[in-house]
């Protein structure tokens, strides 16, 4: 069996097998027992911090790799405030119009005459 100790303390993405299904999971690589790996994920809800830790046995691991966190470059404030992207604005208005025209038939009910 392979040892995954080189990932200790790093953010990883693991794809593991459960029956006939491959499931993805991501978190901080917390431990390696020699038979299983342990992932940990910290969550904050309503001001309360908690964490989840789960065990994945070696025989169920399909793939493990270090997670790559995207680097976002902040847009210059002057350009973002002065001129919004016209393509995005036109796409947003087009999708809004499409939603309104598609929803219109759903909102109107056919008027049937009352039976006498």
C-alpha atoms as a PDB file:
ATOM      1  CA  UNK A   1       0.000   0.000   0.000  1.00  0.00           C
ATOM      2  CA  UNK A   2       1.145   3.521  -0.769  1.00  0.00           C
ATOM      3  CA  UNK A   3       1.750   6.122   1.891  1.00  0.00           C
ATOM      4  CA  UNK A   4       0.215   9.547   1.419  1.00  0.00           C
ATOM      5  CA  UNK A   5       2.145  11.316   4.202  1.00  0.00           C
ATOM      6  CA  UNK A   6       3.553  13.885   1.742  1.00  0.00           C
ATOM      7  CA  UNK A   7       0.083  15.525   1.690  1.00  0.00           C
ATOM      8  CA  UNK A   8      -0.039  16.010   5.484  1.00  0.00           C
ATOM      9  CA  UNK A   9      -1.427  19.453   6.373  1.00  0.00           C
ATOM     10  CA  UNK A  10      -2.198  20.393   2.760  1.00  0.00           C
ATOM     11  CA  UNK A  11      -5.525  20.969   1.055  1.00  0.00           C
ATOM     12  CA  UNK A  12      -6.301  17.965  -1.140  1.00  0.00           C
ATOM     13  CA  UNK A  13      -8.987  16.680  -3.454  1.00  0.00           C
ATOM     14  CA  UNK A  14      -9.688  12.957  -3.196  1.00  0.00           C
ATOM     15  CA  UNK A  15     -11.777  10.866  -5.521  1.00  0.00           C
ATOM     16  CA  UNK A  16     -12.843   7.650  -3.822  1.00  0.00           C
ATOM     17  CA  UNK A  17     -15.040   4.688  -4.645  1.00  0.00           C
ATOM     18  CA  UNK A  18     -18.269   3.865  -2.838  1.00  0.00           C
ATOM     19  CA  UNK A  19     -19.833   0.846  -4.481  1.00  0.00           C
ATOM     20  CA  UNK A  20     -20.005   1.608  -8.207  1.00  0.00           C
ATOM     21  CA  UNK A  21     -19.811   5.385  -7.721  1.00  0.00           C
ATOM     22  CA  UNK A  22     -16.760   7.665  -7.581  1.00  0.00           C
ATOM     23  CA  UNK A  23     -17.245  10.532  -5.121  1.00  0.00           C
ATOM     24  CA  UNK A  24     -15.119  13.672  -4.878  1.00  0.00           C
ATOM     25  CA  UNK A  25     -14.105  15.080  -1.529  1.00  0.00           C
ATOM     26  CA  UNK A  26     -11.894  17.971  -0.537  1.00  0.00           C
ATOM     27  CA  UNK A  27     -10.417  19.142   2.714  1.00  0.00           C
ATOM     28  CA  UNK A  28      -7.222  19.368   4.705  1.00  0.00           C
ATOM     29  CA  UNK A  29      -5.229  16.165   4.870  1.00  0.00           C
ATOM     30  CA  UNK A  30      -5.219  15.597   8.656  1.00  0.00           C
ATOM     31  CA  UNK A  31      -3.624  12.160   9.134  1.00  0.00           C
ATOM     32  CA  UNK A  32      -2.375   8.954   7.526  1.00  0.00           C
ATOM     33  CA  UNK A  33      -2.701   5.798   9.632  1.00  0.00           C
ATOM     34  CA  UNK A  34      -1.033   3.476   7.135  1.00  0.00           C
ATOM     35  CA  UNK A  35      -4.412   1.948   6.263  1.00  0.00           C
ATOM     36  CA  UNK A  36      -6.591   5.038   5.860  1.00  0.00           C
ATOM     37  CA  UNK A  37      -6.372   8.746   5.326  1.00  0.00           C
ATOM     38  CA  UNK A  38      -8.278  11.334   7.347  1.00  0.00           C
ATOM     39  CA  UNK A  39      -9.608  14.541   5.833  1.00  0.00           C
ATOM     40  CA  UNK A  40     -10.811  17.504   7.851  1.00  0.00           C
ATOM     41  CA  UNK A  41     -12.947  20.460   6.865  1.00  0.00           C
ATOM     42  CA  UNK A  42     -13.652  23.510   9.025  1.00  0.00           C
ATOM     43  CA  UNK A  43     -17.044  25.181   8.761  1.00  0.00           C
ATOM     44  CA  UNK A  44     -18.467  28.304  10.368  1.00  0.00           C
ATOM     45  CA  UNK A  45     -22.252  28.632  10.653  1.00  0.00           C
ATOM     46  CA  UNK A  46     -24.059  31.322  12.598  1.00  0.00           C
ATOM     47  CA  UNK A  47     -20.836  32.345  14.288  1.00  0.00           C
ATOM     48  CA  UNK A  48     -20.091  28.831  15.556  1.00  0.00           C
ATOM     49  CA  UNK A  49     -16.989  27.035  14.270  1.00  0.00           C
ATOM     50  CA  UNK A  50     -17.152  23.299  13.830  1.00  0.00           C
ATOM     51  CA  UNK A  51     -15.277  20.737  11.810  1.00  0.00           C
ATOM     52  CA  UNK A  52     -15.921  17.497  10.017  1.00  0.00           C
ATOM     53  CA  UNK A  53     -13.376  14.724   9.879  1.00  0.00           C
ATOM     54  CA  UNK A  54     -13.782  11.579   7.847  1.00  0.00           C
ATOM     55  CA  UNK A  55     -11.776   8.468   7.111  1.00  0.00           C
ATOM     56  CA  UNK A  56     -11.162   7.017   3.676  1.00  0.00           C
ATOM     57  CA  UNK A  57      -9.524   3.555   3.567  1.00  0.00           C
ATOM     58  CA  UNK A  58      -6.630   3.127   1.122  1.00  0.00           C
ATOM     59  CA  UNK A  59      -8.451   0.487  -0.949  1.00  0.00           C
ATOM     60  CA  UNK A  60     -11.260   2.959  -1.782  1.00  0.00           C
ATOM     61  CA  UNK A  61      -8.990   5.807  -2.937  1.00  0.00           C
ATOM     62  CA  UNK A  62      -9.107   6.256  -6.696  1.00  0.00           C
ATOM     63  CA  UNK A  63      -7.111   9.489  -6.987  1.00  0.00           C
ATOM     64  CA  UNK A  64      -5.630  12.048  -4.621  1.00  0.00           C
ATOM     65  CA  UNK A  65      -4.075  15.364  -5.588  1.00  0.00           C
ATOM     66  CA  UNK A  66      -3.166  18.626  -3.946  1.00  0.00           C
ATOM     67  CA  UNK A  67      -5.939  21.184  -4.398  1.00  0.00           C
ATOM     68  CA  UNK A  68      -5.035  24.215  -6.444  1.00  0.00           C
ATOM     69  CA  UNK A  69      -6.591  27.361  -5.042  1.00  0.00           C
ATOM     70  CA  UNK A  70      -7.449  29.905  -7.741  1.00  0.00           C
ATOM     71  CA  UNK A  71      -5.639  33.205  -7.449  1.00  0.00           C
ATOM     72  CA  UNK A  72      -8.014  36.093  -8.009  1.00  0.00           C
ATOM     73  CA  UNK A  73      -6.573  39.402  -9.048  1.00  0.00           C
ATOM     74  CA  UNK A  74      -8.702  42.307  -7.876  1.00  0.00           C
ATOM     75  CA  UNK A  75      -9.946  44.548 -10.674  1.00  0.00           C
ATOM     76  CA  UNK A  76      -8.821  48.157 -10.476  1.00  0.00           C
ATOM     77  CA  UNK A  77     -11.533  50.168  -8.694  1.00  0.00           C
ATOM     78  CA  UNK A  78     -11.527  52.984 -11.261  1.00  0.00           C
ATOM     79  CA  UNK A  79     -12.206  50.715 -14.232  1.00  0.00           C
ATOM     80  CA  UNK A  80     -14.885  48.672 -12.466  1.00  0.00           C
ATOM     81  CA  UNK A  81     -16.767  51.760 -11.248  1.00  0.00           C
ATOM     82  CA  UNK A  82     -16.512  53.782 -14.480  1.00  0.00           C
ATOM     83  CA  UNK A  83     -17.427  51.312 -17.231  1.00  0.00           C
ATOM     84  CA  UNK A  84     -19.259  48.034 -16.614  1.00  0.00           C
ATOM     85  CA  UNK A  85     -18.691  45.344 -19.205  1.00  0.00           C
ATOM     86  CA  UNK A  86     -21.221  46.005 -21.973  1.00  0.00           C
ATOM     87  CA  UNK A  87     -21.277  42.337 -23.025  1.00  0.00           C
ATOM     88  CA  UNK A  88     -22.271  41.259 -19.523  1.00  0.00           C
ATOM     89  CA  UNK A  89     -24.894  44.007 -19.298  1.00  0.00           C
ATOM     90  CA  UNK A  90     -26.431  43.055 -22.640  1.00  0.00           C
ATOM     91  CA  UNK A  91     -26.341  39.361 -21.746  1.00  0.00           C
ATOM     92  CA  UNK A  92     -28.031  40.060 -18.408  1.00  0.00           C
ATOM     93  CA  UNK A  93     -30.807  42.095 -20.017  1.00  0.00           C
ATOM     94  CA  UNK A  94     -31.280  39.476 -22.738  1.00  0.00           C
ATOM     95  CA  UNK A  95     -31.590  36.681 -20.174  1.00  0.00           C
ATOM     96  CA  UNK A  96     -33.977  38.827 -18.118  1.00  0.00           C
ATOM     97  CA  UNK A  97     -36.152  39.417 -21.186  1.00  0.00           C
ATOM     98  CA  UNK A  98     -36.047  35.728 -22.045  1.00  0.00           C
ATOM     99  CA  UNK A  99     -37.128  34.798 -18.525  1.00  0.00           C
ATOM    100  CA  UNK A 100     -39.993  37.288 -18.589  1.00  0.00           C
ATOM    101  CA  UNK A 101     -41.244  36.107 -21.988  1.00  0.00           C
ATOM    102  CA  UNK A 102     -40.936  32.450 -20.971  1.00  0.00           C
ATOM    103  CA  UNK A 103     -42.738  33.026 -17.665  1.00  0.00           C
ATOM    104  CA  UNK A 104     -45.609  34.981 -19.201  1.00  0.00           C
ATOM    105  CA  UNK A 105     -47.509  31.939 -20.576  1.00  0.00           C
ATOM    106  CA  UNK A 106     -47.061  30.157 -17.275  1.00  0.00           C
ATOM    107  CA  UNK A 107     -48.614  33.015 -15.334  1.00  0.00           C
ATOM    108  CA  UNK A 108     -51.743  33.476 -17.448  1.00  0.00           C
ATOM    109  CA  UNK A 109     -54.554  30.990 -17.086  1.00  0.00           C
ATOM    110  CA  UNK A 110     -57.019  30.308 -19.890  1.00  0.00           C
ATOM    111  CA  UNK A 111     -60.444  31.848 -19.299  1.00  0.00           C
ATOM    112  CA  UNK A 112     -63.163  29.232 -19.723  1.00  0.00           C
ATOM    113  CA  UNK A 113     -66.808  30.274 -19.751  1.00  0.00           C
ATOM    114  CA  UNK A 114     -68.764  29.065 -16.751  1.00  0.00           C
ATOM    115  CA  UNK A 115     -71.183  26.250 -17.447  1.00  0.00           C
ATOM    116  CA  UNK A 116     -74.821  27.232 -17.092  1.00  0.00           C
END
